[in-house]
């Protein structure tokens, strides 16, 4: 089975315009993402709609594919890139690595790839165990309930499941909760199918596109990772990431 990595990266961002080109520890964020993703994959492309990002990728020796400007999500951009790449490249599964995750690890990519040992797997994603109330009750950190077969049952911005009759400050002692990390693997035909679906009621309610896939009958296999995510959505996140790296020295 052949895997490729696609990193969707757009220049326009309401909270942080030009984010992929922001400098972290002397390199653009997109370069950190690319180089770390390449440790776990034989082939990686940045999917972008911006010439400045494409030039930055060229400057550090990476590969890119130009996509349309009107995509509503990174998944849509990945789908177009995969369609363009399939004309010249042979692959079975696309790994979607978010362009604002400079600390992605090859172990995370390996965990996603392992989900496709099961030939029934259509889509795969990552979760990790929640160990703090700050994450558990933060609506910006989606949660997921996982079934015995390691398939996702439901995603929500709320803490799920609800522990009835127990005060919230004791929930972590009563149940193992999972936080969703927004990295996905898709069989290439499934990726094209899910991007043709219309937004669903659950997706619109929670603003989580993966609910559209579940609501339409697709199965999402879950892999656990012990590594925490550190995405960069704002300039303040960039400062925090730089402090994290400084502390490692």
Protein backbone atom coordinates (compact mmCIF):
# COMPACT_ATOMS: atom_id res chain seq x y z
CA UNK A 1 0.00 0.00 0.00
CA UNK A 2 1.36 3.40 -1.00
CA UNK A 3 0.88 6.50 1.13
CA UNK A 4 1.45 10.14 0.23
CA UNK A 5 1.24 13.23 2.42
CA UNK A 6 -0.59 16.41 1.44
CA UNK A 7 -0.30 19.59 3.51
CA UNK A 8 -3.07 22.11 2.70
CA UNK A 9 -1.75 25.65 3.16
CA UNK A 10 -3.54 28.87 2.33
CA UNK A 11 -2.24 32.39 2.80
CA UNK A 12 -5.54 34.01 3.78
CA UNK A 13 -6.49 33.59 7.43
CA UNK A 14 -8.78 35.78 9.49
CA UNK A 15 -6.86 35.33 12.72
CA UNK A 16 -3.35 35.03 11.29
CA UNK A 17 -2.86 36.13 7.64
CA UNK A 18 0.23 34.60 6.05
CA UNK A 19 0.53 32.01 8.80
CA UNK A 20 2.37 29.34 6.74
CA UNK A 21 5.20 31.82 6.11
CA UNK A 22 5.50 33.05 9.69
CA UNK A 23 8.96 32.33 11.07
CA UNK A 24 9.40 29.80 13.87
CA UNK A 25 12.93 29.15 15.07
CA UNK A 26 14.40 30.60 11.89
CA UNK A 27 12.21 28.71 9.41
CA UNK A 28 8.70 29.21 7.98
CA UNK A 29 6.02 27.19 9.77
CA UNK A 30 5.26 25.32 6.53
CA UNK A 31 8.88 24.14 6.36
CA UNK A 32 8.68 22.67 9.87
CA UNK A 33 5.49 20.83 8.93
CA UNK A 34 6.92 19.56 5.66
CA UNK A 35 10.23 18.35 7.06
CA UNK A 36 8.61 16.55 9.99
CA UNK A 37 5.95 14.96 7.77
CA UNK A 38 8.63 13.77 5.34
CA UNK A 39 10.21 11.74 8.15
CA UNK A 40 7.17 9.45 8.09
CA UNK A 41 6.33 9.45 4.36
CA UNK A 42 8.18 8.84 1.12
CA UNK A 43 6.40 11.63 -0.75
CA UNK A 44 4.88 14.89 0.54
CA UNK A 45 3.33 17.84 -1.28
CA UNK A 46 2.10 21.22 -0.07
CA UNK A 47 -1.29 22.06 -1.60
CA UNK A 48 -1.60 25.82 -1.85
CA UNK A 49 -3.32 28.60 -3.75
CA UNK A 50 -0.61 31.17 -3.12
CA UNK A 51 2.55 31.86 -5.11
CA UNK A 52 4.47 33.11 -2.05
CA UNK A 53 3.88 29.82 -0.26
CA UNK A 54 4.82 27.87 -3.40
CA UNK A 55 8.06 29.85 -3.66
CA UNK A 56 8.88 29.22 0.00
CA UNK A 57 8.38 25.49 -0.53
CA UNK A 58 10.64 25.60 -3.57
CA UNK A 59 13.27 27.49 -1.58
CA UNK A 60 13.60 24.72 1.01
CA UNK A 61 13.52 21.95 -1.61
CA UNK A 62 9.96 20.76 -1.13
CA UNK A 63 7.21 19.82 -3.58
CA UNK A 64 3.97 21.73 -4.08
CA UNK A 65 0.80 21.56 -6.13
CA UNK A 66 -1.28 24.63 -6.97
CA UNK A 67 -4.98 24.44 -6.12
CA UNK A 68 -8.02 26.68 -6.42
CA UNK A 69 -8.65 29.61 -4.09
CA UNK A 70 -12.29 28.83 -3.31
CA UNK A 71 -11.93 25.71 -1.14
CA UNK A 72 -13.97 25.74 2.07
CA UNK A 73 -11.74 23.32 3.97
CA UNK A 74 -8.33 21.69 4.00
CA UNK A 75 -10.01 18.41 3.09
CA UNK A 76 -11.41 19.96 -0.10
CA UNK A 77 -7.96 21.30 -0.98
CA UNK A 78 -6.42 17.87 -0.33
CA UNK A 79 -8.99 16.26 -2.61
CA UNK A 80 -8.16 18.56 -5.52
CA UNK A 81 -4.43 18.07 -4.97
CA UNK A 82 -4.84 14.29 -4.84
CA UNK A 83 -6.83 14.35 -8.06
CA UNK A 84 -4.13 16.38 -9.79
CA UNK A 85 -1.32 14.18 -8.45
CA UNK A 86 -3.04 10.92 -9.39
CA UNK A 87 -2.38 11.64 -13.07
CA UNK A 88 1.36 11.08 -12.56
CA UNK A 89 1.71 9.32 -9.21
CA UNK A 90 0.48 5.98 -7.91
CA UNK A 91 -0.88 5.93 -4.36
CA UNK A 92 -3.63 4.33 -2.30
CA UNK A 93 -3.97 6.56 0.77
CA UNK A 94 -3.64 10.29 1.36
CA UNK A 95 -2.41 11.52 4.73
CA UNK A 96 -3.70 15.03 5.41
CA UNK A 97 -1.27 16.94 7.63
CA UNK A 98 -2.47 20.34 8.78
CA UNK A 99 -0.26 23.19 7.65
CA UNK A 100 -0.27 24.80 11.09
CA UNK A 101 1.10 21.76 12.98
CA UNK A 102 4.87 22.31 13.02
CA UNK A 103 5.46 19.59 15.61
CA UNK A 104 3.83 16.70 13.74
CA UNK A 105 5.77 13.52 14.48
CA UNK A 106 6.54 10.48 12.28
CA UNK A 107 5.10 8.29 15.06
CA UNK A 108 1.72 9.96 14.52
CA UNK A 109 1.88 9.33 10.80
CA UNK A 110 2.86 5.71 11.43
CA UNK A 111 -0.16 5.32 13.73
CA UNK A 112 -2.45 6.58 10.98
CA UNK A 113 -0.86 4.32 8.40
CA UNK A 114 -1.34 1.31 10.67
CA UNK A 115 -5.12 1.80 10.55
CA UNK A 116 -5.10 0.78 6.89
CA UNK A 117 -3.82 -2.70 7.70
CA UNK A 118 -7.54 -3.28 8.12
CA UNK A 119 -8.70 -3.39 4.51
CA UNK A 120 -12.12 -2.10 5.55
CA UNK A 121 -10.71 1.20 6.81
CA UNK A 122 -12.03 4.14 4.78
CA UNK A 123 -10.85 7.09 6.89
CA UNK A 124 -8.47 7.20 9.85
CA UNK A 125 -7.70 9.85 12.43
CA UNK A 126 -5.82 10.36 15.71
CA UNK A 127 -6.88 10.80 19.32
CA UNK A 128 -5.07 11.04 22.61
CA UNK A 129 -6.14 10.62 26.19
CA UNK A 130 -7.26 13.81 27.91
CA UNK A 131 -5.43 14.45 31.16
CA UNK A 132 -6.63 17.94 32.09
CA UNK A 133 -9.95 19.65 32.71
CA UNK A 134 -8.69 22.58 30.64
CA UNK A 135 -8.75 20.40 27.51
CA UNK A 136 -11.82 18.39 28.50
CA UNK A 137 -14.06 21.44 28.79
CA UNK A 138 -12.45 23.55 26.04
CA UNK A 139 -14.87 23.78 23.07
CA UNK A 140 -11.93 24.51 20.77
CA UNK A 141 -10.60 21.00 21.45
CA UNK A 142 -13.03 18.50 19.90
CA UNK A 143 -13.68 15.28 21.76
CA UNK A 144 -14.50 11.82 20.37
CA UNK A 145 -16.16 8.68 21.70
CA UNK A 146 -14.53 5.48 20.42
CA UNK A 147 -16.21 2.09 20.06
CA UNK A 148 -14.73 -1.30 20.92
CA UNK A 149 -13.70 -1.80 17.30
CA UNK A 150 -11.69 1.45 17.45
CA UNK A 151 -14.13 3.28 15.20
CA UNK A 152 -15.30 6.79 16.07
CA UNK A 153 -18.89 6.88 17.30
CA UNK A 154 -19.37 10.65 17.62
CA UNK A 155 -17.36 13.88 17.79
CA UNK A 156 -18.33 16.96 19.78
CA UNK A 157 -16.96 20.21 21.10
CA UNK A 158 -18.59 19.31 24.41
CA UNK A 159 -17.10 16.88 26.90
CA UNK A 160 -18.52 13.50 25.89
CA UNK A 161 -19.76 11.22 27.27
CA UNK A 162 -21.62 13.10 30.01
CA UNK A 163 -20.96 11.46 33.39
CA UNK A 164 -24.33 11.52 35.07
CA UNK A 165 -24.51 12.17 38.80
CA UNK A 166 -20.81 13.04 39.12
CA UNK A 167 -19.44 16.55 39.61
CA UNK A 168 -17.41 17.69 36.59
CA UNK A 169 -14.21 18.06 38.56
CA UNK A 170 -14.29 14.27 39.07
CA UNK A 171 -15.03 13.22 35.50
CA UNK A 172 -11.43 12.43 34.59
CA UNK A 173 -11.31 9.98 37.50
CA UNK A 174 -14.43 8.21 36.26
CA UNK A 175 -13.80 7.76 32.55
CA UNK A 176 -11.09 7.85 29.87
CA UNK A 177 -11.86 10.78 27.56
CA UNK A 178 -10.27 11.34 24.16
CA UNK A 179 -9.24 14.54 22.41
CA UNK A 180 -9.33 14.58 18.61
CA UNK A 181 -6.20 15.56 16.69
CA UNK A 182 -7.04 16.88 13.23
CA UNK A 183 -4.83 14.65 11.14
CA UNK A 184 -6.52 12.26 8.72
CA UNK A 185 -5.80 9.42 6.35
CA UNK A 186 -8.22 8.62 3.52
CA UNK A 187 -8.33 6.03 0.80
CA UNK A 188 -8.03 8.13 -2.33
CA UNK A 189 -11.47 7.19 -3.70
CA UNK A 190 -13.11 7.91 -0.34
CA UNK A 191 -11.46 11.34 -0.20
CA UNK A 192 -13.14 12.26 -3.48
CA UNK A 193 -16.49 10.91 -2.28
CA UNK A 194 -16.62 12.79 1.04
CA UNK A 195 -15.86 16.12 -0.58
CA UNK A 196 -18.93 15.73 -2.79
CA UNK A 197 -21.26 15.51 0.22
CA UNK A 198 -23.39 18.46 1.21
CA UNK A 199 -22.96 19.88 4.74
CA UNK A 200 -25.00 17.94 7.29
CA UNK A 201 -27.06 19.07 10.25
CA UNK A 202 -24.59 17.71 12.80
CA UNK A 203 -21.67 19.32 11.00
CA UNK A 204 -23.39 22.70 10.92
CA UNK A 205 -24.36 22.44 14.58
CA UNK A 206 -20.84 21.64 15.83
CA UNK A 207 -18.77 23.09 12.97
CA UNK A 208 -16.93 19.76 12.62
CA UNK A 209 -16.73 18.43 9.06
CA UNK A 210 -16.07 14.83 10.16
CA UNK A 211 -19.65 14.66 11.43
CA UNK A 212 -20.79 14.99 7.81
CA UNK A 213 -18.89 11.83 6.98
CA UNK A 214 -20.32 9.88 9.90
CA UNK A 215 -23.84 11.12 9.18
CA UNK A 216 -23.48 9.80 5.62
CA UNK A 217 -22.38 6.35 6.75
CA UNK A 218 -18.61 6.53 6.38
CA UNK A 219 -16.52 4.81 9.05
CA UNK A 220 -13.63 6.59 10.77
CA UNK A 221 -10.99 4.34 12.31
CA UNK A 222 -9.18 5.80 15.33
CA UNK A 223 -5.53 5.43 16.30
CA UNK A 224 -4.27 6.55 19.69
CA UNK A 225 -1.17 8.68 20.08
CA UNK A 226 0.58 9.80 23.24
CA UNK A 227 1.85 12.98 21.56
CA UNK A 228 -0.05 16.21 22.15
CA UNK A 229 -0.91 18.56 19.33
CA UNK A 230 0.37 22.13 19.22
CA UNK A 231 -1.34 23.90 16.35
CA UNK A 232 -0.70 27.54 15.52
CA UNK A 233 -3.87 29.56 14.94
CA UNK A 234 -2.81 33.00 16.19
CA UNK A 235 0.36 35.10 16.64
CA UNK A 236 0.12 34.26 20.34
CA UNK A 237 0.27 30.55 19.49
CA UNK A 238 3.42 31.24 17.48
CA UNK A 239 5.01 32.94 20.48
CA UNK A 240 4.08 29.97 22.66
CA UNK A 241 5.60 27.56 20.13
CA UNK A 242 8.83 29.55 20.10
CA UNK A 243 8.97 29.48 23.90
CA UNK A 244 8.45 25.70 23.74
CA UNK A 245 11.41 25.32 21.41
CA UNK A 246 13.55 27.67 23.47
CA UNK A 247 12.85 25.52 26.53
CA UNK A 248 14.14 22.44 24.66
CA UNK A 249 17.60 23.98 24.21
